[in-house]
């Protein structure tokens, strides 16, 4: 069974751009879950297309997040960048459509993103509050 994830207002970073990106990424995780109900090659191709779009979104999000955290002088920026690098390594080298079944990828991504939002958010939310909301 796939992991469906819903946005919870408690996940908010207090920054419109990051919150919107996080919401969009969680929605993509749910779209991956929807793809799992389509059996066969067409479903696999749709999953791969959504997966690739999610990876592109992740890159854009990480770039935006790092820019904002640099602007607010976030003291744990390097640790945060390492989290992004670890995700990129996992997603590009290990947790791929070639190495894992689609349901395993969907579960991993849904859980990773919730962990990122909840875990990282607690650490940097107060620093983002020093920026004007965009």
N, C-alpha and C. Protein backbone atom coordinates (compact mmCIF):
# COMPACT_ATOMS: atom_id res chain seq x y z
N UNK A 1 0.84 -1.18 0.00
CA UNK A 1 0.00 0.00 0.00
C UNK A 1 0.89 1.25 0.00
N UNK A 2 0.60 2.19 -0.88
CA UNK A 2 1.42 3.42 -0.93
C UNK A 2 1.19 4.31 0.30
N UNK A 3 2.14 5.18 0.54
CA UNK A 3 2.02 6.16 1.62
C UNK A 3 1.46 7.45 1.05
N UNK A 4 0.25 7.76 1.41
CA UNK A 4 -0.35 9.03 1.01
C UNK A 4 -0.01 10.06 2.08
N UNK A 5 0.31 11.24 1.64
CA UNK A 5 0.72 12.29 2.57
C UNK A 5 -0.15 13.52 2.35
N UNK A 6 -0.58 14.10 3.42
CA UNK A 6 -1.43 15.28 3.35
C UNK A 6 -0.71 16.45 4.02
N UNK A 7 -0.90 17.62 3.46
CA UNK A 7 -0.34 18.82 4.05
C UNK A 7 -1.06 19.10 5.36
N UNK A 8 -0.28 19.43 6.35
CA UNK A 8 -0.80 19.78 7.66
C UNK A 8 -0.32 21.20 7.94
N UNK A 9 -1.19 22.10 8.36
CA UNK A 9 -0.76 23.48 8.63
C UNK A 9 0.43 23.55 9.60
N UNK A 10 0.58 22.55 10.44
CA UNK A 10 1.73 22.51 11.35
C UNK A 10 3.06 22.32 10.64
N UNK A 11 3.01 21.93 9.36
CA UNK A 11 4.23 21.76 8.57
C UNK A 11 4.76 23.09 8.04
N UNK A 12 3.99 24.14 8.17
CA UNK A 12 4.34 25.43 7.57
C UNK A 12 5.68 25.94 8.07
N UNK A 13 6.46 26.48 7.13
CA UNK A 13 7.73 27.12 7.46
C UNK A 13 7.52 28.60 7.72
N UNK A 14 6.31 29.07 7.46
CA UNK A 14 6.04 30.49 7.61
C UNK A 14 6.59 31.30 6.45
N UNK A 15 6.90 30.62 5.36
CA UNK A 15 7.41 31.29 4.17
C UNK A 15 6.63 30.75 2.98
N UNK A 16 5.92 31.64 2.30
CA UNK A 16 4.99 31.26 1.25
C UNK A 16 5.63 30.40 0.16
N UNK A 17 6.80 30.78 -0.30
CA UNK A 17 7.46 30.04 -1.38
C UNK A 17 7.79 28.62 -0.95
N UNK A 18 8.43 28.48 0.19
CA UNK A 18 8.81 27.14 0.64
C UNK A 18 7.59 26.30 0.98
N UNK A 19 6.60 26.91 1.59
CA UNK A 19 5.38 26.15 1.90
C UNK A 19 4.71 25.65 0.63
N UNK A 20 4.63 26.49 -0.38
CA UNK A 20 4.03 26.09 -1.65
C UNK A 20 4.84 24.96 -2.30
N UNK A 21 6.15 25.08 -2.26
CA UNK A 21 6.99 24.02 -2.82
C UNK A 21 6.80 22.71 -2.07
N UNK A 22 6.78 22.78 -0.75
CA UNK A 22 6.58 21.57 0.04
C UNK A 22 5.21 20.94 -0.27
N UNK A 23 4.18 21.77 -0.38
CA UNK A 23 2.85 21.26 -0.70
C UNK A 23 2.85 20.59 -2.08
N UNK A 24 3.49 21.21 -3.05
CA UNK A 24 3.55 20.65 -4.40
C UNK A 24 4.30 19.32 -4.41
N UNK A 25 5.37 19.23 -3.66
CA UNK A 25 6.15 17.99 -3.61
C UNK A 25 5.33 16.87 -2.96
N UNK A 26 4.62 17.18 -1.89
CA UNK A 26 3.78 16.16 -1.27
C UNK A 26 2.67 15.73 -2.23
N UNK A 27 2.13 16.67 -2.99
CA UNK A 27 1.11 16.33 -3.99
C UNK A 27 1.70 15.39 -5.04
N UNK A 28 2.94 15.63 -5.43
CA UNK A 28 3.60 14.74 -6.40
C UNK A 28 3.79 13.34 -5.82
N UNK A 29 4.09 13.26 -4.53
CA UNK A 29 4.20 11.94 -3.88
C UNK A 29 2.87 11.21 -3.97
N UNK A 30 1.77 11.93 -3.82
CA UNK A 30 0.45 11.32 -3.95
C UNK A 30 0.13 10.96 -5.39
N UNK A 31 0.61 11.75 -6.34
CA UNK A 31 0.43 11.41 -7.75
C UNK A 31 1.18 10.12 -8.07
N UNK A 32 2.36 9.96 -7.48
CA UNK A 32 3.07 8.68 -7.66
C UNK A 32 2.23 7.53 -7.13
N UNK A 33 1.58 7.74 -5.99
CA UNK A 33 0.71 6.69 -5.43
C UNK A 33 -0.42 6.39 -6.40
N UNK A 34 -0.98 7.41 -7.03
CA UNK A 34 -2.05 7.20 -8.02
C UNK A 34 -1.56 6.38 -9.20
N UNK A 35 -0.33 6.61 -9.61
CA UNK A 35 0.23 5.87 -10.74
C UNK A 35 0.33 4.37 -10.46
N UNK A 36 0.44 4.02 -9.20
CA UNK A 36 0.60 2.61 -8.84
C UNK A 36 -0.65 1.80 -9.15
N UNK A 37 -1.79 2.46 -9.25
CA UNK A 37 -3.03 1.73 -9.54
C UNK A 37 -3.15 1.38 -11.02
N UNK A 38 -2.33 1.99 -11.86
CA UNK A 38 -2.33 1.69 -13.29
C UNK A 38 -1.29 0.61 -13.58
N UNK A 39 -1.77 -0.59 -13.82
CA UNK A 39 -0.86 -1.70 -14.08
C UNK A 39 -0.30 -1.63 -15.49
N UNK A 40 0.82 -2.25 -15.67
CA UNK A 40 1.39 -2.37 -17.01
C UNK A 40 2.37 -1.29 -17.37
N UNK A 41 2.76 -1.32 -18.62
CA UNK A 41 3.79 -0.42 -19.14
C UNK A 41 3.35 1.04 -19.09
N UNK A 42 2.09 1.31 -19.37
CA UNK A 42 1.60 2.70 -19.35
C UNK A 42 1.71 3.28 -17.94
N UNK A 43 1.33 2.51 -16.94
CA UNK A 43 1.44 2.96 -15.55
C UNK A 43 2.89 3.18 -15.14
N UNK A 44 3.76 2.27 -15.58
CA UNK A 44 5.19 2.41 -15.28
C UNK A 44 5.77 3.67 -15.92
N UNK A 45 5.36 3.94 -17.16
CA UNK A 45 5.85 5.14 -17.85
C UNK A 45 5.34 6.40 -17.18
N UNK A 46 4.07 6.39 -16.77
CA UNK A 46 3.51 7.55 -16.07
C UNK A 46 4.25 7.76 -14.75
N UNK A 47 4.53 6.68 -14.03
CA UNK A 47 5.26 6.78 -12.77
C UNK A 47 6.63 7.40 -13.02
N UNK A 48 7.33 6.93 -14.04
CA UNK A 48 8.68 7.45 -14.35
C UNK A 48 8.61 8.93 -14.69
N UNK A 49 7.59 9.34 -15.43
CA UNK A 49 7.44 10.75 -15.79
C UNK A 49 7.22 11.61 -14.55
N UNK A 50 6.35 11.16 -13.66
CA UNK A 50 6.07 11.91 -12.42
C UNK A 50 7.31 11.90 -11.52
N UNK A 51 7.97 10.75 -11.44
CA UNK A 51 9.19 10.62 -10.64
C UNK A 51 10.25 11.62 -11.12
N UNK A 52 10.46 11.69 -12.43
CA UNK A 52 11.44 12.63 -12.99
C UNK A 52 11.05 14.08 -12.69
N UNK A 53 9.76 14.38 -12.79
CA UNK A 53 9.29 15.74 -12.47
C UNK A 53 9.52 16.05 -11.00
N UNK A 54 9.29 15.08 -10.14
CA UNK A 54 9.52 15.28 -8.71
C UNK A 54 10.99 15.53 -8.42
N UNK A 55 11.87 14.81 -9.09
CA UNK A 55 13.31 15.02 -8.89
C UNK A 55 13.71 16.43 -9.34
N UNK A 56 13.13 16.89 -10.44
CA UNK A 56 13.41 18.26 -10.90
C UNK A 56 12.89 19.28 -9.89
N UNK A 57 11.68 19.04 -9.37
CA UNK A 57 11.12 19.93 -8.34
C UNK A 57 12.01 19.95 -7.11
N UNK A 58 12.52 18.79 -6.73
CA UNK A 58 13.39 18.71 -5.55
C UNK A 58 14.63 19.59 -5.74
N UNK A 59 15.22 19.54 -6.92
CA UNK A 59 16.39 20.37 -7.19
C UNK A 59 16.08 21.85 -7.10
N UNK A 60 14.95 22.25 -7.67
CA UNK A 60 14.54 23.65 -7.59
C UNK A 60 14.26 24.06 -6.14
N UNK A 61 13.62 23.17 -5.41
CA UNK A 61 13.31 23.47 -4.00
C UNK A 61 14.59 23.61 -3.19
N UNK A 62 15.51 22.68 -3.36
CA UNK A 62 16.75 22.74 -2.58
C UNK A 62 17.51 24.03 -2.88
N UNK A 63 17.53 24.43 -4.12
CA UNK A 63 18.20 25.68 -4.49
C UNK A 63 17.53 26.87 -3.82
N UNK A 64 16.21 26.93 -3.87
CA UNK A 64 15.48 28.04 -3.23
C UNK A 64 15.69 28.04 -1.73
N UNK A 65 15.63 26.87 -1.14
CA UNK A 65 15.80 26.75 0.31
C UNK A 65 17.19 27.21 0.73
N UNK A 66 18.20 26.77 0.02
CA UNK A 66 19.57 27.17 0.37
C UNK A 66 19.79 28.67 0.18
N UNK A 67 19.20 29.25 -0.85
CA UNK A 67 19.31 30.70 -1.06
C UNK A 67 18.70 31.44 0.12
N UNK A 68 17.50 31.04 0.52
CA UNK A 68 16.82 31.71 1.65
C UNK A 68 17.58 31.51 2.95
N UNK A 69 18.09 30.31 3.18
CA UNK A 69 18.83 30.06 4.42
C UNK A 69 20.15 30.83 4.45
N UNK A 70 20.74 31.05 3.30
CA UNK A 70 21.95 31.88 3.23
C UNK A 70 21.59 33.33 3.57
N UNK A 71 20.47 33.81 3.03
CA UNK A 71 20.05 35.19 3.27
C UNK A 71 19.76 35.46 4.75
N UNK A 72 19.27 34.45 5.46
CA UNK A 72 18.94 34.68 6.88
C UNK A 72 20.06 34.21 7.80
N UNK A 73 21.24 33.96 7.23
CA UNK A 73 22.42 33.57 8.00
C UNK A 73 22.17 32.35 8.89
N UNK A 74 21.54 31.35 8.31
CA UNK A 74 21.24 30.11 9.03
C UNK A 74 22.55 29.44 9.45
N UNK A 75 22.78 29.24 10.75
CA UNK A 75 24.07 28.72 11.21
C UNK A 75 24.33 27.25 10.87
N UNK A 76 23.29 26.50 10.53
CA UNK A 76 23.49 25.09 10.20
C UNK A 76 23.30 24.84 8.70
N UNK A 77 23.68 25.83 7.89
CA UNK A 77 23.50 25.74 6.45
C UNK A 77 24.26 24.55 5.86
N UNK A 78 25.48 24.35 6.29
CA UNK A 78 26.28 23.25 5.74
C UNK A 78 25.62 21.90 6.04
N UNK A 79 25.10 21.74 7.24
CA UNK A 79 24.39 20.50 7.60
C UNK A 79 23.17 20.32 6.70
N UNK A 80 22.47 21.41 6.46
CA UNK A 80 21.29 21.37 5.61
C UNK A 80 21.67 21.02 4.16
N UNK A 81 22.74 21.60 3.68
CA UNK A 81 23.22 21.28 2.33
C UNK A 81 23.62 19.81 2.23
N UNK A 82 24.18 19.27 3.31
CA UNK A 82 24.53 17.85 3.33
C UNK A 82 23.28 16.97 3.23
N UNK A 83 22.19 17.40 3.86
CA UNK A 83 20.92 16.68 3.76
C UNK A 83 20.46 16.65 2.30
N UNK A 84 20.57 17.78 1.63
CA UNK A 84 20.19 17.85 0.22
C UNK A 84 21.09 16.96 -0.63
N UNK A 85 22.38 17.00 -0.37
CA UNK A 85 23.33 16.17 -1.13
C UNK A 85 23.04 14.69 -0.91
N UNK A 86 22.71 14.32 0.31
CA UNK A 86 22.39 12.92 0.60
C UNK A 86 21.14 12.48 -0.18
N UNK A 87 20.11 13.34 -0.19
CA UNK A 87 18.91 13.01 -0.95
C UNK A 87 19.26 12.84 -2.42
N UNK A 88 20.01 13.78 -2.97
CA UNK A 88 20.37 13.70 -4.39
C UNK A 88 21.14 12.42 -4.69
N UNK A 89 22.05 12.05 -3.81
CA UNK A 89 22.80 10.81 -4.01
C UNK A 89 21.85 9.61 -3.99
N UNK A 90 21.02 9.55 -2.96
CA UNK A 90 20.08 8.43 -2.85
C UNK A 90 19.16 8.36 -4.07
N UNK A 91 18.58 9.49 -4.44
CA UNK A 91 17.60 9.52 -5.52
C UNK A 91 18.23 9.25 -6.89
N UNK A 92 19.47 9.65 -7.08
CA UNK A 92 20.11 9.49 -8.39
C UNK A 92 20.93 8.22 -8.53
N UNK A 93 21.39 7.67 -7.41
CA UNK A 93 22.30 6.52 -7.48
C UNK A 93 21.71 5.23 -6.91
N UNK A 94 20.84 5.33 -5.93
CA UNK A 94 20.40 4.13 -5.23
C UNK A 94 18.90 3.92 -5.36
N UNK A 95 18.12 4.87 -4.90
CA UNK A 95 16.66 4.74 -4.90
C UNK A 95 16.15 5.20 -6.27
N UNK A 96 16.33 4.35 -7.25
CA UNK A 96 15.96 4.69 -8.62
C UNK A 96 14.93 3.70 -9.15
N UNK A 97 14.29 4.07 -10.25
CA UNK A 97 13.31 3.18 -10.86
C UNK A 97 13.97 1.91 -11.41
N UNK A 98 15.27 1.95 -11.61
CA UNK A 98 15.98 0.77 -12.09
C UNK A 98 16.28 -0.21 -10.95
N UNK A 99 16.43 0.30 -9.74
CA UNK A 99 16.85 -0.54 -8.61
C UNK A 99 15.71 -0.98 -7.69
N UNK A 100 14.60 -0.28 -7.72
CA UNK A 100 13.51 -0.57 -6.78
C UNK A 100 12.18 -0.59 -7.50
N UNK A 101 11.25 -1.30 -6.89
CA UNK A 101 9.89 -1.30 -7.42
C UNK A 101 9.26 0.07 -7.15
N UNK A 102 8.32 0.41 -7.99
CA UNK A 102 7.69 1.73 -7.89
C UNK A 102 7.07 1.99 -6.52
N UNK A 103 6.45 1.01 -5.94
CA UNK A 103 5.82 1.21 -4.63
C UNK A 103 6.86 1.53 -3.56
N UNK A 104 8.02 0.89 -3.66
CA UNK A 104 9.09 1.17 -2.70
C UNK A 104 9.60 2.61 -2.86
N UNK A 105 9.72 3.06 -4.10
CA UNK A 105 10.14 4.44 -4.36
C UNK A 105 9.12 5.43 -3.81
N UNK A 106 7.85 5.16 -4.06
CA UNK A 106 6.81 6.07 -3.58
C UNK A 106 6.83 6.16 -2.06
N UNK A 107 6.94 5.04 -1.41
CA UNK A 107 6.97 5.03 0.06
C UNK A 107 8.18 5.80 0.59
N UNK A 108 9.34 5.53 0.00
CA UNK A 108 10.56 6.23 0.42
C UNK A 108 10.40 7.74 0.26
N UNK A 109 9.94 8.17 -0.90
CA UNK A 109 9.83 9.61 -1.17
C UNK A 109 8.82 10.27 -0.23
N UNK A 110 7.68 9.66 -0.01
CA UNK A 110 6.68 10.24 0.88
C UNK A 110 7.24 10.39 2.29
N UNK A 111 7.89 9.35 2.78
CA UNK A 111 8.45 9.41 4.14
C UNK A 111 9.63 10.38 4.23
N UNK A 112 10.48 10.40 3.21
CA UNK A 112 11.64 11.30 3.24
C UNK A 112 11.17 12.75 3.28
N UNK A 113 10.20 13.08 2.43
CA UNK A 113 9.76 14.47 2.35
C UNK A 113 9.05 14.92 3.62
N UNK A 114 8.27 14.06 4.22
CA UNK A 114 7.65 14.43 5.50
C UNK A 114 8.75 14.65 6.54
N UNK A 115 9.74 13.76 6.57
CA UNK A 115 10.86 13.94 7.50
C UNK A 115 11.61 15.22 7.25
N UNK A 116 11.83 15.56 6.01
CA UNK A 116 12.53 16.80 5.66
C UNK A 116 11.73 18.02 6.13
N UNK A 117 10.46 18.02 5.83
CA UNK A 117 9.62 19.17 6.17
C UNK A 117 9.53 19.34 7.69
N UNK A 118 9.24 18.26 8.38
CA UNK A 118 9.07 18.33 9.83
C UNK A 118 10.42 18.52 10.53
N UNK A 119 11.41 17.74 10.14
CA UNK A 119 12.72 17.81 10.81
C UNK A 119 13.47 19.09 10.55
N UNK A 120 13.64 19.43 9.28
CA UNK A 120 14.39 20.64 8.94
C UNK A 120 13.61 21.89 9.32
N UNK A 121 12.31 21.83 9.14
CA UNK A 121 11.48 23.00 9.43
C UNK A 121 11.61 23.47 10.86
N UNK A 122 11.65 22.54 11.78
CA UNK A 122 11.79 22.91 13.19
C UNK A 122 13.10 23.67 13.42
N UNK A 123 14.11 23.30 12.67
CA UNK A 123 15.43 23.89 12.87
C UNK A 123 15.54 25.30 12.27
N UNK A 124 14.91 25.53 11.12
CA UNK A 124 15.17 26.82 10.47
C UNK A 124 13.98 27.77 10.42
N UNK A 125 12.84 27.37 10.92
CA UNK A 125 11.64 28.21 10.85
C UNK A 125 11.89 29.60 11.45
N UNK A 126 12.49 29.66 12.62
CA UNK A 126 12.72 30.95 13.28
C UNK A 126 13.65 31.85 12.47
N UNK A 127 14.61 31.26 11.78
CA UNK A 127 15.53 32.06 10.97
C UNK A 127 14.83 32.63 9.75
N UNK A 128 13.92 31.86 9.15
CA UNK A 128 13.17 32.37 8.00
C UNK A 128 12.27 33.53 8.39
N UNK A 129 11.85 33.56 9.63
CA UNK A 129 10.96 34.64 10.09
C UNK A 129 11.63 36.00 9.99
N UNK A 130 12.96 36.03 9.89
CA UNK A 130 13.67 37.30 9.80
C UNK A 130 13.63 37.87 8.38
N UNK A 131 13.18 37.07 7.41
CA UNK A 131 13.10 37.52 6.01
C UNK A 131 11.70 38.03 5.71
N UNK A 132 11.61 38.87 4.71
CA UNK A 132 10.28 39.25 4.24
C UNK A 132 9.72 38.06 3.49
N UNK A 133 8.44 37.79 3.67
CA UNK A 133 7.80 36.64 3.06
C UNK A 133 7.56 36.90 1.58
N UNK A 134 8.01 35.95 0.76
CA UNK A 134 7.84 36.09 -0.70
C UNK A 134 6.98 35.00 -1.25
